[in-house]
Amino acid sequence: MDTNHMTDEALINHAQGGDMDALDTLVRRHQSWVFNLALRMVWRREVAEDATQEILIKAVTHLGSFEGRSKFSTWLHRIAVNHLLNVRNSEMEEKAMTFTDMAESLDSIPDEALPVETQVLVQEAKLGCITAMLMCLDRRQRLAFILGEVFGETSETAAAALDVTPANFRQLLSRARQDLFQFMNDKCGLVNTANPCRCARKARGFMREGWLDPANLQFSKDRITSVRQQATVQLDELQGLDRQHAELYREQPMLAGPDIASSLRDILARSGFDRI
């Protein structure tokens, strides 16, 4: 039976009946979205991989309770959002970093030329830096920005995931966009060319601080597409504010992330959930 061409609903029906091939296909279809959301929420790749596994295990072990009242993706997104709202503080969150702290950190890194400038290191510096900027938002604002501005979710869909009204979601999104735009317009050379901060000049300092590891890229490896190609929809709420800062996030790579499905059968068997 070829499960790759089945709808989510058909895969769920088969998986609820104990078909592990259907379950594998369902997990693989959605695991990259979960990972990319987690990575933008926690910054460290290994922490995002752990969160992705935990989210998918929660979804799989509760799949028997899914009644199809909403799309499976909406149901899964709610599980992911709830987990990421309540997961322990990440490395960045432990520092309680504000935009003021972020500005001071960038200013403290001297401008230096790379010995041999490679585009991948400059790209990694750029992606790591703008992802770190998201950490200056509180979790709900960060999720609103990622879901609405970056991934292009509608107000209704994103609000359902966050368990708020669409009006409240729009307020969260508006505040997050304004805070990020103000900071990036004042500091980031990618948004405002009058600013001196440049990714190529900071990459060597990022390496020295341990924020960029050429041997362990966080944001550049296993690229499968761009967020823009994956999430073509743009909300009406995105109009009316300079969008150059938002475009930087939509141009970020969509990463494959870990293949959770490959190890999920063993995890479920060890946990006693080898049958849904």
Protein backbone atom coordinates (compact mmCIF):
# COMPACT_ATOMS: atom_id res chain seq x y z
CA MET A 1 0.00 0.00 0.00
CA ASP A 2 1.43 3.36 -1.07
CA THR A 3 0.83 5.71 1.85
CA ASN A 4 2.66 8.70 0.33
CA HIS A 5 -0.37 9.78 -1.73
CA MET A 6 -2.92 9.38 1.05
CA THR A 7 -4.58 12.36 2.67
CA ASP A 8 -3.89 13.09 6.32
CA GLU A 9 -7.38 11.85 7.15
CA ALA A 10 -6.77 8.49 5.45
CA LEU A 11 -3.37 8.13 7.12
CA ILE A 12 -4.91 8.83 10.52
CA ASN A 13 -7.62 6.21 9.99
CA HIS A 14 -5.00 3.62 9.11
CA ALA A 15 -2.66 4.68 11.92
CA GLN A 16 -5.47 4.52 14.49
CA GLY A 17 -5.97 0.94 13.33
CA GLY A 18 -2.32 0.09 14.03
CA ASP A 19 -0.75 0.69 10.59
CA MET A 20 2.77 1.86 11.43
CA ASP A 21 3.62 2.63 7.78
CA ALA A 22 0.76 5.11 7.70
CA LEU A 23 1.98 6.60 10.97
CA ASP A 24 5.51 6.96 9.58
CA THR A 25 4.19 8.82 6.53
CA LEU A 26 2.04 11.11 8.67
CA VAL A 27 4.96 12.00 10.94
CA ARG A 28 7.37 12.59 8.05
CA ARG A 29 4.84 14.84 6.34
CA HIS A 30 4.66 17.22 9.31
CA GLN A 31 7.94 16.85 11.21
CA SER A 32 9.83 19.57 9.29
CA TRP A 33 7.16 22.17 10.08
CA VAL A 34 7.35 21.31 13.78
CA PHE A 35 11.15 21.44 13.75
CA ASN A 36 11.31 24.80 12.00
CA LEU A 37 8.83 26.29 14.46
CA ALA A 38 10.83 24.89 17.39
CA LEU A 39 14.17 26.12 16.02
CA ARG A 40 12.89 29.68 15.78
CA MET A 41 11.53 29.43 19.30
CA VAL A 42 14.58 28.00 21.10
CA TRP A 43 17.52 29.01 18.84
CA ARG A 44 19.73 25.96 19.54
CA ARG A 45 19.34 23.19 16.98
CA GLU A 46 19.82 20.30 19.41
CA VAL A 47 17.19 21.77 21.75
CA ALA A 48 14.81 22.18 18.81
CA GLU A 49 15.39 18.55 17.81
CA ASP A 50 14.51 17.38 21.33
CA ALA A 51 11.39 19.57 21.36
CA THR A 52 10.34 18.23 17.95
CA GLN A 53 10.60 14.66 19.17
CA GLU A 54 8.64 15.44 22.33
CA ILE A 55 5.90 17.22 20.36
CA LEU A 56 5.52 14.39 17.86
CA ILE A 57 5.46 11.75 20.59
CA LYS A 58 2.67 13.72 22.30
CA ALA A 59 0.75 13.87 19.02
CA VAL A 60 1.23 10.20 18.18
CA THR A 61 0.34 8.89 21.63
CA HIS A 62 -2.84 10.99 21.63
CA LEU A 63 -3.78 10.24 18.04
CA GLY A 64 -6.55 7.94 19.20
CA SER A 65 -8.35 10.98 20.63
CA PHE A 66 -8.24 12.89 17.34
CA GLU A 67 -11.84 13.06 16.09
CA GLY A 68 -11.35 15.04 12.89
CA ARG A 69 -13.26 18.13 14.03
CA SER A 70 -10.42 20.23 12.63
CA LYS A 71 -7.63 19.58 10.17
CA PHE A 72 -4.86 17.38 11.53
CA SER A 73 -2.33 20.17 10.93
CA THR A 74 -4.39 22.55 13.10
CA TRP A 75 -4.58 19.94 15.86
CA LEU A 76 -0.83 19.26 15.65
CA HIS A 77 0.01 22.97 15.62
CA ARG A 78 -1.96 23.42 18.84
CA ILE A 79 0.04 20.63 20.50
CA ALA A 80 3.30 22.17 19.26
CA VAL A 81 2.40 25.68 20.41
CA ASN A 82 1.24 24.47 23.82
CA HIS A 83 4.47 22.51 24.29
CA LEU A 84 6.67 25.43 23.24
CA LEU A 85 4.79 27.81 25.53
CA ASN A 86 5.44 25.56 28.51
CA VAL A 87 8.82 23.96 27.79
CA ARG A 88 11.69 24.85 30.13
CA ASN A 89 13.60 28.02 29.34
CA SER A 90 16.09 27.76 26.51
CA GLU A 91 19.69 28.96 26.76
CA MET A 92 18.73 32.36 25.38
CA GLU A 93 15.68 32.70 27.62
CA GLU A 94 17.78 31.93 30.71
CA LYS A 95 19.70 35.09 29.93
CA ALA A 96 16.42 37.07 29.79
CA MET A 97 17.84 38.96 26.84
CA THR A 98 16.18 42.24 25.87
CA PHE A 99 16.66 44.24 22.69
CA THR A 100 18.96 46.52 24.70
CA ASP A 101 21.05 43.49 25.68
CA MET A 102 21.11 42.34 22.07
CA ALA A 103 22.33 45.72 20.90
CA GLU A 104 25.08 45.76 23.51
CA SER A 105 26.18 42.25 22.55
CA LEU A 106 26.41 43.17 18.87
CA ASP A 107 28.29 46.37 19.67
CA SER A 108 30.77 44.43 21.82
CA ILE A 109 31.75 42.19 18.89
CA PRO A 110 34.52 43.93 16.95
CA ASP A 111 34.24 44.23 13.19
CA GLU A 112 36.73 41.84 11.62
CA ALA A 113 37.21 40.41 8.18
CA LEU A 114 37.07 36.64 7.87
CA PRO A 115 40.48 35.17 6.89
CA VAL A 116 38.72 33.57 3.94
CA GLU A 117 35.18 34.82 3.58
CA THR A 118 32.82 31.96 2.83
CA GLN A 119 29.21 32.60 2.01
CA VAL A 120 28.00 29.77 4.23
CA LEU A 121 29.60 31.31 7.35
CA VAL A 122 28.22 34.75 6.53
CA GLN A 123 24.80 33.18 5.97
CA GLU A 124 25.05 31.28 9.25
CA ALA A 125 25.99 34.49 11.07
CA LYS A 126 23.01 36.28 9.53
CA LEU A 127 20.51 33.52 10.31
CA GLY A 128 21.81 33.01 13.84
CA CYS A 129 21.68 36.72 14.56
CA ILE A 130 18.18 37.43 13.27
CA THR A 131 16.88 34.28 14.98
CA ALA A 132 18.46 35.46 18.23
CA MET A 133 16.54 38.72 17.83
CA LEU A 134 13.31 36.73 18.11
CA MET A 135 14.41 35.65 21.58
CA CYS A 136 14.00 39.24 22.76
CA LEU A 137 10.24 38.83 22.34
CA ASP A 138 8.24 37.01 24.98
CA ARG A 139 7.05 33.54 23.99
CA ARG A 140 3.54 34.48 22.93
CA GLN A 141 4.72 37.40 20.82
CA ARG A 142 7.44 35.21 19.33
CA LEU A 143 4.93 32.53 18.39
CA ALA A 144 2.56 35.12 16.94
CA PHE A 145 5.35 36.55 14.78
CA ILE A 146 6.55 33.13 13.59
CA LEU A 147 3.07 31.79 12.86
CA GLY A 148 1.65 34.95 11.28
CA GLU A 149 4.52 36.89 9.78
CA VAL A 150 6.96 34.12 8.91
CA PHE A 151 4.79 31.08 8.18
CA GLY A 152 1.84 33.08 6.86
CA GLU A 153 -0.87 31.46 9.00
CA THR A 154 -4.26 33.16 8.91
CA SER A 155 -5.45 34.98 12.00
CA GLU A 156 -8.04 32.29 12.64
CA THR A 157 -5.60 29.39 12.31
CA ALA A 158 -2.84 31.01 14.36
CA ALA A 159 -5.30 32.19 16.99
CA ALA A 160 -6.63 28.65 17.36
CA ALA A 161 -3.10 27.34 17.87
CA LEU A 162 -2.41 29.99 20.51
CA ASP A 163 -5.85 29.55 22.08
CA VAL A 164 -6.69 33.25 21.76
CA THR A 165 -9.23 35.21 19.73
CA PRO A 166 -8.23 36.39 16.25
CA ALA A 167 -8.34 39.96 17.55
CA ASN A 168 -5.94 39.11 20.37
CA PHE A 169 -3.66 37.34 17.91
CA ARG A 170 -3.55 40.43 15.72
CA GLN A 171 -2.59 42.52 18.76
CA LEU A 172 0.24 40.09 19.64
CA LEU A 173 1.45 40.09 16.04
CA SER A 174 1.32 43.87 15.74
CA ARG A 175 3.34 44.41 18.91
CA ALA A 176 5.94 41.82 17.91
CA ARG A 177 6.34 43.33 14.45
CA GLN A 178 6.71 46.84 15.81
CA ASP A 179 9.31 45.84 18.40
CA LEU A 180 11.39 43.87 15.90
CA PHE A 181 11.14 46.53 13.23
CA GLN A 182 12.21 49.29 15.60
CA PHE A 183 15.25 47.32 16.74
CA MET A 184 16.32 46.14 13.29
CA ASN A 185 15.77 49.53 11.70
CA ASP A 186 17.99 51.09 14.38
CA LYS A 187 20.67 48.38 14.44
CA CYS A 188 20.68 45.94 11.51
CA GLY A 189 22.50 46.82 8.29
CA LEU A 190 20.33 44.36 6.37
CA VAL A 191 17.25 46.48 7.06
CA ASN A 192 18.78 49.96 7.13
CA THR A 193 21.94 50.43 5.09
CA ALA A 194 22.91 53.40 7.28
CA ASN A 195 23.58 50.98 10.15
CA PRO A 196 27.19 49.75 10.44
CA CYS A 197 26.38 46.20 11.64
CA ARG A 198 27.21 43.69 8.89
CA CYS A 199 27.05 39.90 9.04
CA ALA A 200 30.37 39.41 7.25
CA ARG A 201 32.13 41.68 9.75
CA LYS A 202 30.65 39.94 12.78
CA ALA A 203 31.05 36.28 11.75
CA ARG A 204 34.60 35.90 13.08
CA GLY A 205 33.61 37.43 16.43
CA PHE A 206 30.56 35.16 16.60
CA MET A 207 32.89 32.18 16.15
CA ARG A 208 35.18 33.38 18.91
CA GLU A 209 32.20 33.80 21.27
CA GLY A 210 30.96 30.29 20.45
CA TRP A 211 27.81 31.55 18.78
CA LEU A 212 28.84 30.21 15.38
CA ASP A 213 30.50 26.82 14.92
CA PRO A 214 31.67 26.12 11.34
CA ALA A 215 31.73 22.39 12.16
CA ASN A 216 28.16 22.38 13.50
CA LEU A 217 25.94 24.73 11.53
CA GLN A 218 22.62 25.45 13.22
CA PHE A 219 20.63 27.26 10.57
CA SER A 220 22.19 26.54 7.17
CA LYS A 221 22.48 22.77 6.76
CA ASP A 222 19.84 20.41 5.31
CA ARG A 223 17.97 23.21 3.56
CA ILE A 224 14.98 21.88 1.62
CA THR A 225 13.36 25.14 0.48
CA SER A 226 12.77 28.67 1.71
CA VAL A 227 10.02 29.70 4.08
CA ARG A 228 8.65 31.94 1.33
CA GLN A 229 8.21 28.95 -0.98
CA GLN A 230 6.68 26.85 1.78
CA ALA A 231 4.38 29.57 3.12
CA THR A 232 3.25 31.72 0.22
CA VAL A 233 0.29 33.28 2.02
CA GLN A 234 0.71 36.72 3.54
CA LEU A 235 -1.76 38.10 6.06
CA ASP A 236 -3.62 41.36 5.55
CA GLU A 237 -2.10 42.37 8.90
CA LEU A 238 1.30 42.50 7.24
CA GLN A 239 0.43 45.65 5.34
CA GLY A 240 1.19 49.13 6.63
CA LEU A 241 4.64 48.62 8.13
CA ASP A 242 8.03 48.56 6.46
CA ARG A 243 8.32 44.89 5.53
CA GLN A 244 12.03 44.57 4.81
CA HIS A 245 12.73 43.13 8.25
CA ALA A 246 9.93 40.58 7.80
CA GLU A 247 11.26 39.55 4.40
CA LEU A 248 14.52 38.51 6.06
CA TYR A 249 12.59 35.95 8.08
CA ARG A 250 10.51 34.73 5.16
CA GLU A 251 13.70 34.24 3.13
CA GLN A 252 15.18 31.98 5.82
CA PRO A 253 15.73 28.37 4.81
CA MET A 254 13.14 25.76 5.65
CA LEU A 255 15.25 22.94 7.11
CA ALA A 256 14.61 19.22 6.94
CA GLY A 257 15.49 18.72 10.59
CA PRO A 258 15.66 15.33 12.29
CA ASP A 259 13.88 12.29 10.91
CA ILE A 260 11.82 11.51 13.99
CA ALA A 261 9.75 8.90 12.13
CA SER A 262 12.79 6.67 11.72
CA SER A 263 13.16 6.22 15.49
CA LEU A 264 9.53 6.62 16.53
CA ARG A 265 8.64 2.93 16.33
CA ASP A 266 11.37 2.01 18.82
CA ILE A 267 10.37 4.86 21.13
CA LEU A 268 6.72 3.80 21.04
CA ALA A 269 7.57 0.14 21.59
CA ARG A 270 9.74 0.93 24.60
CA SER A 271 6.98 3.14 26.01
CA GLY A 272 4.28 0.53 25.54
CA PHE A 273 2.58 2.48 22.75
CA ASP A 274 3.48 0.15 19.90
CA ARG A 275 -0.23 0.20 19.03
CA ILE A 276 -2.11 3.51 18.85
